[in-house]
Amino acid sequence: MNSYLRNKWAVSLSAGLLLGLSFPPINLSFLSIPAFVLLFHLAGLCNSNRQFAYVAYPGLLLWNLITTYWLMMASVPAGIAAILANAAVMTLPLMLMRYFQEKYPGFILLVVLQASAWTTYEFLHHNWDLAWPWLAIGNAWAKQVSLIQFISITGHLGITFWVTLTAAMAYQAVKHNNRTFALSATASLLILPLASLLFFAIDEPVYPDTNSIPVTVIQPNHDSYLEYGGMSGNDEVIDSLFSITAKTKTPETKLIVWPENAIENAVLMNSRHLQRIADSAQVWNTNFIVGTGLYTLYPDEVPELTRGLYGSTPYNVFNATFFADASGNTSRYDKHNLVPIVERVPFLPLLTTIDVFGWVDWGRIAGFGKGEDAVQLTTAEFTTPGLICYDSVYPSWIRNFVNNGAGFLTIITNDGWWGDSSGHRQHFEYAKLRAIEFNRWVVRSANNGTSGIIRPDGSVEQKTDYWVRTGFNSVIPIIEEETIYAKYGDWLAYQTLGISLVFWLIALLNPKELTTWTKSLS
């Protein structure tokens, strides 16, 4: 065992393996804590930050590969590039954690700084053009809903801070063989999960009553790898959708939800295809949420970047949600959080600025247009968004909808690109975090699955199998109260960002008098 713990490569790969096994669909979330203990130990074994990054990289690569191998099922080159690049980015917070370990020997300050470093990294990784929040540590705990109710206060980054803080304490306890440190680590490990368990046990679930909405969810199971799902065109696609919807809905249905890319090939807002949906909404006296590609034409004010010409008019294409209410009124939401490279070229403003000679037609290769407005379906009876796929892992964006009256969350997605892999299972599990963070029911329609209904405590009310053509009905309560996280957002992340930045600058300046008082915080 001693020789193993001195072997840097073995420690690195072991940490990566444990982190990979901690994520869904494997139900071993607790392994994320000893994984970070090993990473802290690896930091101590290395002579420099450069060496630490070099040795840690294979472990981080293993973690990424185990958890997100399914990216290669959509595109092998893009999947490989994403896995290699994300593992490299992960070395940056690790080096900062080791830097703090060298500069601040005090126990309390050190463990807070190390937890803050990784939490800050995840927060920043959510908020730039190469965002990839899939491997946020909180996601590893998505199946443990009874233990993570505290994220209604902190958001999912609270799990990240708790895991890394506990691991940092545990490492210091082992390193110094200190009983007080060990008791602190034990307390850190138990307090939040026990409080959550108690809350989960005594909280009265909200079930359908008079203030609720009958919903019909459709899972059409069209083949994502074939144009028009293997059908002749949009007419046949819509026929297929209406066929299963008519068989599933009830006379009481007030909302029908079709998945992302239900109408795969882009159409105009005034197209006969969408008008058919709006007419059906009137006839059935119900509302529709439909995933589709939508053209936007610019006959007058033309944005800087456009795809080209639609006839003689500049245009863009958006991955969008089409809304039709029971009166036949229509509106749209354009997806805000686009998958980097796959859906949109990152850093477009920078690239267009650098390209002073206009050598590249950035508009033509940009990908989907980026939506900026949090538009949702608003009726006299309810308000809900039509969050599209990747949107659902961005709670800071979802706050906009909740703060503007969303009584429940609706997610539409097309997880068929990844086949029957961990990808669609993880995506469904991560929706549980949004339910808890915002205390909202979640309605989820996926083209091939998994579709379902998730309660505000993160438990599953209803769930479909993968790769089946089906639909189901449910009654969704409307909730108006806002959680602390809904009200105040990423308050924890802003604090960890401030702490990390301030103490990094202090250590960088290295005033000798600061060394003395930081030691006193042991």
Protein backbone atom coordinates (compact mmCIF):
# COMPACT_ATOMS: atom_id res chain seq x y z
CA MET A 1 0.00 0.00 0.00
CA ASN A 2 2.80 2.43 0.84
CA SER A 3 4.47 1.83 -2.52
CA TYR A 4 1.12 2.38 -4.26
CA LEU A 5 0.56 5.69 -2.45
CA ARG A 6 4.04 6.84 -3.50
CA ASN A 7 3.39 6.00 -7.15
CA LYS A 8 2.15 9.23 -8.72
CA TRP A 9 0.68 7.58 -11.81
CA ALA A 10 -1.22 5.00 -9.76
CA VAL A 11 -2.67 7.70 -7.50
CA SER A 12 -3.68 9.81 -10.49
CA LEU A 13 -5.42 6.97 -12.32
CA SER A 14 -7.11 5.79 -9.12
CA ALA A 15 -8.54 9.25 -8.52
CA GLY A 16 -9.82 9.41 -12.10
CA LEU A 17 -11.38 5.96 -11.82
CA LEU A 18 -13.19 6.87 -8.58
CA LEU A 19 -14.50 10.11 -10.08
CA GLY A 20 -15.71 8.28 -13.17
CA LEU A 21 -17.53 5.69 -11.06
CA SER A 22 -19.13 8.40 -8.91
CA PHE A 23 -21.29 9.72 -11.78
CA PRO A 24 -24.61 8.34 -13.03
CA PRO A 25 -25.67 5.84 -14.06
CA ILE A 26 -23.40 4.14 -11.49
CA ASN A 27 -24.76 4.80 -8.02
CA LEU A 28 -21.42 5.42 -6.23
CA SER A 29 -21.56 9.18 -5.64
CA PHE A 30 -19.59 8.99 -2.37
CA LEU A 31 -16.45 7.96 -4.30
CA SER A 32 -16.00 11.59 -5.33
CA ILE A 33 -14.75 12.35 -1.80
CA PRO A 34 -11.88 9.81 -1.61
CA ALA A 35 -11.06 10.74 -5.21
CA PHE A 36 -10.28 14.30 -4.15
CA VAL A 37 -8.37 13.02 -1.12
CA LEU A 38 -6.13 11.18 -3.59
CA LEU A 39 -5.76 14.33 -5.71
CA PHE A 40 -4.65 16.31 -2.64
CA HIS A 41 -2.19 13.51 -1.83
CA LEU A 42 -0.91 13.63 -5.42
CA ALA A 43 -0.35 17.37 -5.06
CA GLY A 44 1.87 16.66 -2.07
CA LEU A 45 3.87 14.06 -4.00
CA CYS A 46 4.68 16.43 -6.84
CA ASN A 47 7.58 18.89 -6.81
CA SER A 48 5.89 21.61 -8.86
CA ASN A 49 2.56 22.69 -10.29
CA ARG A 50 3.80 21.74 -13.75
CA GLN A 51 4.59 18.22 -12.60
CA PHE A 52 1.25 18.01 -10.79
CA ALA A 53 -0.67 18.99 -13.94
CA TYR A 54 1.37 16.54 -16.03
CA VAL A 55 0.80 13.58 -13.70
CA ALA A 56 -2.83 14.44 -12.89
CA TYR A 57 -3.83 14.71 -16.55
CA PRO A 58 -4.12 10.93 -17.24
CA GLY A 59 -6.42 10.59 -14.24
CA LEU A 60 -8.57 13.52 -15.35
CA LEU A 61 -8.62 12.04 -18.85
CA LEU A 62 -9.83 8.71 -17.46
CA TRP A 63 -12.58 10.51 -15.51
CA ASN A 64 -13.75 12.33 -18.64
CA LEU A 65 -13.61 9.18 -20.74
CA ILE A 66 -15.60 7.03 -18.30
CA THR A 67 -18.27 9.68 -17.84
CA THR A 68 -18.61 11.23 -21.30
CA TYR A 69 -17.43 8.53 -23.73
CA TRP A 70 -20.85 8.80 -25.38
CA LEU A 71 -19.85 12.15 -26.95
CA MET A 72 -18.04 10.11 -29.58
CA MET A 73 -21.30 8.41 -30.57
CA ALA A 74 -22.51 11.72 -32.03
CA SER A 75 -19.14 12.73 -33.53
CA VAL A 76 -15.89 10.84 -33.01
CA PRO A 77 -13.52 13.78 -33.74
CA ALA A 78 -15.56 16.28 -31.72
CA GLY A 79 -15.99 13.82 -28.85
CA ILE A 80 -12.27 13.06 -28.63
CA ALA A 81 -11.39 16.75 -28.83
CA ALA A 82 -13.88 17.62 -26.07
CA ILE A 83 -12.58 14.92 -23.74
CA LEU A 84 -8.92 15.85 -24.28
CA ALA A 85 -9.57 19.58 -23.91
CA ASN A 86 -11.78 19.35 -20.83
CA ALA A 87 -9.25 17.19 -19.00
CA ALA A 88 -6.59 19.83 -19.76
CA VAL A 89 -8.79 22.64 -18.42
CA MET A 90 -9.29 20.68 -15.20
CA THR A 91 -5.59 20.86 -14.41
CA LEU A 92 -5.91 24.62 -13.78
CA PRO A 93 -7.98 24.45 -10.56
CA LEU A 94 -5.84 21.54 -9.36
CA MET A 95 -2.72 23.67 -9.71
CA LEU A 96 -4.42 26.48 -7.79
CA MET A 97 -5.36 24.04 -5.02
CA ARG A 98 -1.74 22.90 -4.79
CA TYR A 99 -0.59 26.52 -4.82
CA PHE A 100 -2.79 27.25 -1.81
CA GLN A 101 -1.47 24.10 -0.14
CA GLU A 102 2.06 25.48 -0.41
CA LYS A 103 1.29 29.05 0.62
CA TYR A 104 -1.27 28.67 3.41
CA PRO A 105 -0.45 26.08 6.06
CA GLY A 106 -3.35 26.96 8.39
CA PHE A 107 -5.98 24.18 8.49
CA ILE A 108 -9.21 26.20 8.32
CA LEU A 109 -8.06 28.71 5.77
CA LEU A 110 -6.35 26.08 3.61
CA VAL A 111 -9.34 23.74 3.30
CA VAL A 112 -11.70 26.63 2.57
CA LEU A 113 -9.36 27.94 -0.11
CA GLN A 114 -8.98 24.54 -1.74
CA ALA A 115 -12.74 23.98 -1.79
CA SER A 116 -13.21 27.50 -3.13
CA ALA A 117 -10.71 26.91 -5.93
CA TRP A 118 -12.58 23.95 -7.42
CA THR A 119 -16.01 25.53 -6.85
CA THR A 120 -14.82 28.70 -8.59
CA TYR A 121 -13.55 26.65 -11.52
CA GLU A 122 -16.94 24.98 -11.98
CA PHE A 123 -18.71 28.32 -11.74
CA LEU A 124 -16.45 29.92 -14.34
CA HIS A 125 -16.67 26.83 -16.57
CA HIS A 126 -20.44 27.42 -16.65
CA ASN A 127 -19.97 30.97 -17.86
CA TRP A 128 -17.77 31.13 -20.95
CA ASP A 129 -18.06 30.14 -24.59
CA LEU A 130 -16.45 26.72 -24.03
CA ALA A 131 -18.74 25.89 -21.13
CA TRP A 132 -19.02 22.19 -20.29
CA PRO A 133 -20.84 21.78 -16.97
CA TRP A 134 -21.52 18.07 -17.43
CA LEU A 135 -18.82 17.00 -14.98
CA ALA A 136 -19.72 19.38 -12.17
CA ILE A 137 -19.33 17.40 -8.94
CA GLY A 138 -22.93 18.14 -7.97
CA ASN A 139 -24.07 16.09 -10.96
CA ALA A 140 -22.41 13.03 -9.45
CA TRP A 141 -24.92 13.25 -6.59
CA ALA A 142 -28.05 13.64 -8.72
CA LYS A 143 -29.35 10.19 -7.76
CA GLN A 144 -28.95 10.88 -4.02
CA VAL A 145 -31.89 13.26 -3.79
CA SER A 146 -32.56 12.61 -0.08
CA LEU A 147 -29.01 13.76 0.78
CA ILE A 148 -28.82 16.96 -1.29
CA GLN A 149 -31.95 18.94 -0.39
CA PHE A 150 -29.65 21.76 0.77
CA ILE A 151 -29.08 22.80 -2.85
CA SER A 152 -32.38 24.68 -2.68
CA ILE A 153 -30.23 27.15 -0.70
CA THR A 154 -26.81 26.87 -2.35
CA GLY A 155 -27.52 25.55 -5.82
CA HIS A 156 -25.68 22.48 -7.10
CA LEU A 157 -22.31 24.18 -6.50
CA GLY A 158 -23.01 23.70 -2.81
CA ILE A 159 -22.41 19.99 -3.36
CA THR A 160 -19.09 20.77 -5.03
CA PHE A 161 -17.98 22.93 -2.11
CA TRP A 162 -19.12 20.33 0.44
CA VAL A 163 -17.35 17.43 -1.33
CA THR A 164 -14.04 19.24 -1.85
CA LEU A 165 -14.09 20.80 1.64
CA THR A 166 -14.67 17.39 3.24
CA ALA A 167 -11.93 15.81 1.13
CA ALA A 168 -9.47 18.60 1.97
CA MET A 169 -10.17 18.13 5.69
CA ALA A 170 -9.84 14.36 5.43
CA TYR A 171 -6.48 14.67 3.66
CA GLN A 172 -5.12 17.06 6.29
CA ALA A 173 -6.35 14.74 9.04
CA VAL A 174 -4.50 11.78 7.52
CA LYS A 175 -1.41 13.80 6.65
CA HIS A 176 -0.99 15.22 10.16
CA ASN A 177 -2.61 12.29 12.03
CA ASN A 178 -4.68 14.92 13.82
CA ARG A 179 -7.79 13.91 15.76
CA THR A 180 -9.31 17.40 15.66
CA PHE A 181 -8.92 17.53 11.89
CA ALA A 182 -10.52 14.10 11.62
CA LEU A 183 -13.50 15.17 13.73
CA SER A 184 -13.88 18.27 11.56
CA ALA A 185 -13.88 16.14 8.41
CA THR A 186 -16.47 13.80 9.91
CA ALA A 187 -18.70 16.72 10.87
CA SER A 188 -18.35 18.21 7.40
CA LEU A 189 -19.24 14.87 5.85
CA LEU A 190 -22.39 14.32 7.91
CA ILE A 191 -24.07 17.63 8.75
CA LEU A 192 -25.52 18.63 5.37
CA PRO A 193 -26.66 15.13 4.29
CA LEU A 194 -28.27 14.47 7.68
CA ALA A 195 -30.08 17.81 7.60
CA SER A 196 -31.25 17.02 4.08
CA LEU A 197 -32.39 13.56 5.09
CA LEU A 198 -34.44 15.04 7.93
CA PHE A 199 -36.00 17.63 5.62
CA PHE A 200 -36.70 14.97 2.99
CA ALA A 201 -38.41 12.78 5.59
CA ILE A 202 -40.67 15.45 7.12
CA ASP A 203 -41.42 17.58 4.06
CA GLU A 204 -44.95 17.15 2.77
CA PRO A 205 -44.88 16.54 -0.99
CA VAL A 206 -47.06 18.72 -3.20
CA TYR A 207 -49.52 16.60 -5.14
CA PRO A 208 -52.10 17.63 -7.72
CA ASP A 209 -54.96 19.78 -6.47
CA THR A 210 -57.15 22.48 -7.95
CA ASN A 211 -54.10 24.59 -8.86
CA SER A 212 -52.64 22.07 -11.29
CA ILE A 213 -52.34 21.44 -15.01
CA PRO A 214 -53.14 18.21 -16.92
CA VAL A 215 -50.17 17.57 -19.21
CA THR A 216 -49.58 15.17 -22.10
CA VAL A 217 -45.95 14.24 -22.83
CA ILE A 218 -45.02 12.68 -26.17
CA GLN A 219 -41.97 10.54 -26.90
CA PRO A 220 -42.21 9.94 -30.69
CA ASN A 221 -38.98 7.91 -30.99
CA HIS A 222 -38.02 9.24 -34.41
CA ASP A 223 -34.55 8.11 -35.53
CA SER A 224 -32.14 11.01 -34.99
CA TYR A 225 -29.57 9.57 -37.39
CA LEU A 226 -31.95 9.69 -40.38
CA GLU A 227 -33.18 12.80 -42.15
CA TYR A 228 -36.77 13.53 -41.14
CA GLY A 229 -36.46 10.57 -38.76
CA GLY A 230 -36.57 8.22 -41.72
CA MET A 231 -39.75 9.77 -43.10
CA SER A 232 -40.45 11.59 -46.34
CA GLY A 233 -40.57 15.13 -44.96
CA ASN A 234 -42.01 17.46 -42.33
CA ASP A 235 -45.61 16.62 -43.33
CA GLU A 236 -45.13 12.95 -42.46
CA VAL A 237 -43.21 13.89 -39.29
CA ILE A 238 -46.08 16.04 -38.06
CA ASP A 239 -48.60 13.34 -39.02
CA SER A 240 -46.62 10.93 -36.85
CA LEU A 241 -46.59 13.37 -33.93
CA PHE A 242 -50.31 14.08 -34.17
CA SER A 243 -51.10 10.38 -34.47
CA ILE A 244 -49.54 9.45 -31.13
CA THR A 245 -50.74 12.67 -29.49
CA ALA A 246 -54.38 12.05 -30.44
CA LYS A 247 -54.18 8.56 -28.93
CA THR A 248 -52.56 9.80 -25.70
CA LYS A 249 -54.16 13.10 -24.73
CA THR A 250 -57.33 13.40 -22.70
CA PRO A 251 -60.18 15.94 -22.98
CA GLU A 252 -58.74 17.62 -19.87
CA THR A 253 -55.21 18.08 -21.30
CA LYS A 254 -54.06 21.71 -21.02
CA LEU A 255 -50.50 21.27 -22.28
CA ILE A 256 -49.03 18.98 -24.94
CA VAL A 257 -45.23 18.68 -24.98
CA TRP A 258 -43.28 17.49 -28.02
CA PRO A 259 -39.49 17.04 -27.75
CA GLU A 260 -36.54 18.97 -29.13
CA ASN A 261 -36.23 18.54 -32.90
CA ALA A 262 -39.77 17.17 -33.05
CA ILE A 263 -39.76 19.05 -36.35
CA GLU A 264 -36.11 18.58 -37.23
CA ASN A 265 -35.72 20.63 -40.40
CA ALA A 266 -36.10 24.37 -39.87
CA VAL A 267 -39.37 26.11 -40.77
CA LEU A 268 -40.68 29.68 -40.70
CA MET A 269 -42.90 30.92 -37.88
CA ASN A 270 -45.71 31.49 -40.41
CA SER A 271 -45.27 28.12 -42.10
CA ARG A 272 -48.27 25.88 -42.73
CA HIS A 273 -46.67 23.24 -40.48
CA LEU A 274 -46.72 25.47 -37.42
CA GLN A 275 -50.09 26.91 -38.37
CA ARG A 276 -51.44 23.37 -38.30
CA ILE A 277 -50.24 23.04 -34.70
CA ALA A 278 -51.77 26.40 -33.75
CA ASP A 279 -55.10 25.37 -35.32
CA SER A 280 -55.04 22.10 -33.39
CA ALA A 281 -54.38 24.01 -30.18
CA GLN A 282 -57.58 25.96 -30.78
CA VAL A 283 -59.65 22.93 -31.72
CA TRP A 284 -58.42 20.88 -28.75
CA ASN A 285 -58.51 23.89 -26.38
CA THR A 286 -54.99 23.14 -25.22
CA ASN A 287 -51.46 24.57 -25.42
CA PHE A 288 -48.42 23.23 -27.27
CA ILE A 289 -44.67 23.22 -26.58
CA VAL A 290 -42.83 22.00 -29.67
CA GLY A 291 -39.12 21.66 -30.42
CA THR A 292 -38.17 22.78 -33.91
CA GLY A 293 -35.59 24.60 -35.98
CA LEU A 294 -36.80 28.11 -36.80
CA TYR A 295 -35.71 30.60 -39.41
CA THR A 296 -35.42 34.27 -38.54
CA LEU A 297 -35.47 36.66 -41.49
CA TYR A 298 -34.02 40.17 -41.40
CA PRO A 299 -35.70 42.30 -44.08
CA ASP A 300 -34.76 45.54 -42.30
CA GLU A 301 -32.18 45.59 -39.50
CA VAL A 302 -29.56 42.99 -40.35
CA PRO A 303 -27.31 41.67 -37.52
CA GLU A 304 -23.56 41.44 -37.97
CA LEU A 305 -23.63 37.67 -38.52
CA THR A 306 -26.15 35.87 -40.75
CA ARG A 307 -26.22 32.46 -42.41
CA GLY A 308 -26.75 33.87 -45.89
CA LEU A 309 -29.86 34.67 -47.90
CA TYR A 310 -33.33 33.10 -47.75
CA GLY A 311 -34.45 34.10 -51.20
CA SER A 312 -33.15 37.67 -51.10
CA THR A 313 -33.46 38.18 -47.33
CA PRO A 314 -30.65 37.62 -44.77
CA TYR A 315 -31.48 34.91 -42.25
CA ASN A 316 -30.33 32.87 -39.27
CA VAL A 317 -31.46 29.49 -37.97
CA PHE A 318 -32.21 28.85 -34.31
CA ASN A 319 -32.70 25.70 -32.28
CA ALA A 320 -36.03 26.80 -30.89
CA THR A 321 -39.20 26.09 -28.96
CA PHE A 322 -42.49 26.92 -30.66
CA PHE A 323 -45.39 27.87 -28.38
CA ALA A 324 -49.05 27.80 -29.39
CA ASP A 325 -51.73 28.63 -26.83
CA ALA A 326 -55.36 27.55 -26.74
CA SER A 327 -56.40 30.72 -28.60
CA GLY A 328 -54.03 29.96 -31.47
CA ASN A 329 -51.53 32.65 -30.51
CA THR A 330 -47.93 31.70 -31.27
CA SER A 331 -44.54 32.69 -29.88
CA ARG A 332 -41.04 31.28 -29.70
CA TYR A 333 -38.01 30.76 -27.48
CA ASP A 334 -34.56 30.56 -29.10
CA LYS A 335 -32.10 28.31 -27.28
CA HIS A 336 -29.64 30.32 -25.22
CA ASN A 337 -27.11 27.71 -24.08
CA LEU A 338 -25.65 26.16 -27.21
CA VAL A 339 -23.22 23.24 -27.18
CA PRO A 340 -19.80 24.66 -28.10
CA ILE A 341 -18.58 23.70 -31.60
CA VAL A 342 -21.42 21.20 -32.11
CA GLU A 343 -24.13 23.89 -32.19
CA ARG A 344 -22.19 27.15 -32.35
CA VAL A 345 -18.62 28.28 -32.94
CA PRO A 346 -17.28 29.69 -29.65
CA PHE A 347 -15.79 33.17 -29.19
CA LEU A 348 -17.45 34.58 -32.31
CA PRO A 349 -17.13 38.27 -31.24
CA LEU A 350 -13.39 37.78 -30.70
CA LEU A 351 -12.91 35.87 -33.94
CA THR A 352 -14.77 38.45 -36.01
CA THR A 353 -12.75 41.23 -34.39
CA ILE A 354 -9.45 39.50 -35.15
CA ASP A 355 -10.50 38.83 -38.74
CA VAL A 356 -10.03 42.48 -39.77
CA PHE A 357 -9.77 41.59 -43.47
CA GLY A 358 -12.98 39.55 -43.47
CA TRP A 359 -11.26 36.42 -44.78
CA VAL A 360 -13.83 34.09 -43.15
CA ASP A 361 -17.61 34.19 -43.54
CA TRP A 362 -18.22 33.66 -39.82
CA GLY A 363 -21.99 33.97 -40.13
CA ARG A 364 -22.19 31.03 -42.52
CA ILE A 365 -20.14 28.71 -40.31
CA ALA A 366 -21.28 30.07 -36.92
CA GLY A 367 -23.91 27.40 -36.36
CA PHE A 368 -27.22 28.14 -34.65
CA GLY A 369 -28.12 31.67 -33.67
CA LYS A 370 -27.91 32.37 -29.93
CA GLY A 371 -31.14 33.31 -28.19
CA GLU A 372 -30.94 36.09 -25.62
CA ASP A 373 -34.47 36.36 -24.20
CA ALA A 374 -36.04 34.09 -21.57
CA VAL A 375 -39.37 33.74 -23.38
CA GLN A 376 -41.81 31.21 -21.97
CA LEU A 377 -45.34 29.97 -22.56
CA THR A 378 -47.61 32.26 -20.56
CA THR A 379 -51.33 31.55 -20.29
CA ALA A 380 -54.10 32.56 -17.91
CA GLU A 381 -53.67 29.21 -16.12
CA PHE A 382 -49.92 28.66 -16.00
CA THR A 383 -46.46 29.79 -17.07
CA THR A 384 -43.67 27.41 -18.02
CA PRO A 385 -40.49 27.56 -20.16
CA GLY A 386 -39.58 25.31 -23.05
CA LEU A 387 -35.98 24.66 -21.99
CA ILE A 388 -34.03 22.94 -24.73
CA CYS A 389 -31.60 20.11 -23.90
CA TYR A 390 -28.34 21.80 -22.83
CA ASP A 391 -30.32 24.65 -21.20
CA SER A 392 -31.27 22.23 -18.43
CA VAL A 393 -27.75 22.08 -16.95
CA TYR A 394 -27.59 25.87 -16.49
CA PRO A 395 -29.52 26.73 -13.32
CA SER A 396 -28.39 30.36 -13.48
CA TRP A 397 -30.28 30.67 -16.79
CA ILE A 398 -33.32 28.77 -15.50
CA ARG A 399 -33.58 31.29 -12.63
CA ASN A 400 -34.74 33.86 -15.18
CA PHE A 401 -37.83 31.79 -15.93
CA VAL A 402 -38.65 30.98 -12.31
CA ASN A 403 -38.21 34.61 -11.28
CA ASN A 404 -40.65 35.53 -14.07
CA GLY A 405 -43.43 33.26 -12.87
CA ALA A 406 -42.70 29.72 -14.09
CA GLY A 407 -44.88 27.45 -11.93
CA PHE A 408 -43.19 24.30 -13.21
CA LEU A 409 -40.25 23.54 -15.53
CA THR A 410 -40.59 21.96 -18.95
CA ILE A 411 -37.53 20.43 -20.61
CA ILE A 412 -37.54 19.20 -24.20
CA THR A 413 -34.57 17.27 -25.51
CA ASN A 414 -33.35 14.91 -28.20
CA ASP A 415 -30.97 12.51 -26.52
CA GLY A 416 -31.04 10.11 -29.45
CA TRP A 417 -27.73 11.43 -30.78
CA TRP A 418 -25.92 9.46 -28.07
CA GLY A 419 -27.60 6.10 -28.53
CA ASP A 420 -28.47 3.90 -25.56
CA SER A 421 -25.51 5.13 -23.50
CA SER A 422 -24.80 6.84 -20.20
CA GLY A 423 -25.51 10.19 -21.88
CA HIS A 424 -29.29 10.12 -21.85
CA ARG A 425 -29.36 8.54 -18.39
CA GLN A 426 -27.14 11.29 -16.96
CA HIS A 427 -29.22 13.99 -18.64
CA PHE A 428 -32.40 12.70 -17.01
CA GLU A 429 -30.75 12.45 -13.59
CA TYR A 430 -29.39 16.01 -13.78
CA ALA A 431 -32.94 17.34 -14.15
CA LYS A 432 -33.52 16.22 -10.55
CA LEU A 433 -31.08 18.90 -9.39
CA ARG A 434 -33.17 21.61 -11.10
CA ALA A 435 -36.31 20.31 -9.39
CA ILE A 436 -34.69 20.61 -5.95
CA GLU A 437 -32.93 23.92 -6.59
CA PHE A 438 -36.16 25.63 -7.61
CA ASN A 439 -38.78 23.54 -5.77
CA ARG A 440 -40.57 22.93 -9.05
CA TRP A 441 -42.10 19.94 -10.78
CA VAL A 442 -40.20 19.05 -13.96
CA VAL A 443 -41.93 17.87 -17.14
CA ARG A 444 -39.48 16.22 -19.54
CA SER A 445 -40.09 15.15 -23.13
CA ALA A 446 -37.26 13.36 -24.95
CA ASN A 447 -37.45 12.16 -28.55
CA ASN A 448 -36.18 8.64 -27.80
CA GLY A 449 -36.23 8.87 -24.00
CA THR A 450 -35.94 9.20 -21.18
CA SER A 451 -39.12 11.27 -20.71
CA GLY A 452 -40.74 11.69 -17.33
CA ILE A 453 -42.09 13.73 -14.45
CA ILE A 454 -39.88 14.71 -11.51
CA ARG A 455 -41.24 15.99 -8.19
CA PRO A 456 -39.83 19.10 -6.46
CA ASP A 457 -37.84 16.94 -4.03
CA GLY A 458 -36.07 15.23 -6.94
CA SER A 459 -37.93 11.94 -6.72
CA VAL A 460 -39.39 10.48 -9.91
CA GLU A 461 -43.16 10.52 -10.41
CA GLN A 462 -43.16 8.91 -13.84
CA LYS A 463 -40.52 7.69 -16.28
CA THR A 464 -40.44 6.08 -19.73
CA ASP A 465 -38.14 3.46 -21.16
CA TYR A 466 -35.55 4.37 -23.77
CA TRP A 467 -36.14 3.87 -27.50
CA VAL A 468 -39.88 3.27 -27.34
CA ARG A 469 -42.65 5.22 -29.03
CA THR A 470 -44.96 6.31 -26.25
CA GLY A 471 -46.81 9.08 -24.52
CA PHE A 472 -48.33 9.60 -21.10
CA ASN A 473 -50.52 11.95 -19.08
CA SER A 474 -49.84 13.56 -15.74
CA VAL A 475 -51.22 16.35 -13.57
CA ILE A 476 -48.63 18.96 -12.59
CA PRO A 477 -49.11 21.22 -9.55
CA ILE A 478 -48.18 24.87 -9.96
CA ILE A 479 -45.86 26.27 -7.28
CA GLU A 480 -45.30 29.97 -6.74
CA GLU A 481 -42.90 30.09 -3.77
CA GLU A 482 -39.24 30.71 -4.55
CA THR A 483 -36.30 28.93 -2.93
CA ILE A 484 -33.32 30.82 -1.52
CA TYR A 485 -31.33 29.76 -4.56
CA ALA A 486 -34.05 31.06 -6.89
CA LYS A 487 -33.99 34.41 -5.08
CA TYR A 488 -30.25 34.89 -4.69
CA GLY A 489 -28.69 32.68 -7.34
CA ASP A 490 -25.01 31.71 -7.19
CA TRP A 491 -24.22 33.63 -4.01
CA LEU A 492 -21.91 30.83 -2.85
CA ALA A 493 -19.97 30.82 -6.12
CA TYR A 494 -19.41 34.57 -6.01
CA GLN A 495 -18.03 34.21 -2.49
CA THR A 496 -15.66 31.40 -3.48
CA LEU A 497 -14.57 33.44 -6.49
CA GLY A 498 -13.80 36.43 -4.28
CA ILE A 499 -11.97 34.31 -1.69
CA SER A 500 -9.88 32.53 -4.32
CA LEU A 501 -8.93 35.74 -6.07
CA VAL A 502 -8.06 37.69 -2.91
CA PHE A 503 -5.89 35.01 -1.36
CA TRP A 504 -4.22 34.16 -4.66
CA LEU A 505 -3.19 37.81 -4.92
CA ILE A 506 -2.03 37.86 -1.29
CA ALA A 507 0.10 34.76 -1.87
CA LEU A 508 1.42 36.18 -5.12
CA LEU A 509 2.56 39.35 -3.41
CA ASN A 510 3.95 37.18 -0.60
CA PRO A 511 4.24 39.74 2.21
CA LYS A 512 6.12 38.01 5.00
CA GLU A 513 3.86 39.28 7.76
CA LEU A 514 0.88 37.43 6.27
CA THR A 515 2.58 34.08 6.69
CA THR A 516 2.46 34.46 10.46
CA TRP A 517 -1.25 35.15 10.80
CA THR A 518 -2.29 32.48 8.30
CA LYS A 519 -0.45 29.88 10.41
CA SER A 520 -2.54 30.97 13.38
CA LEU A 521 -5.68 29.74 11.58
CA SER A 522 -4.68 26.11 12.01
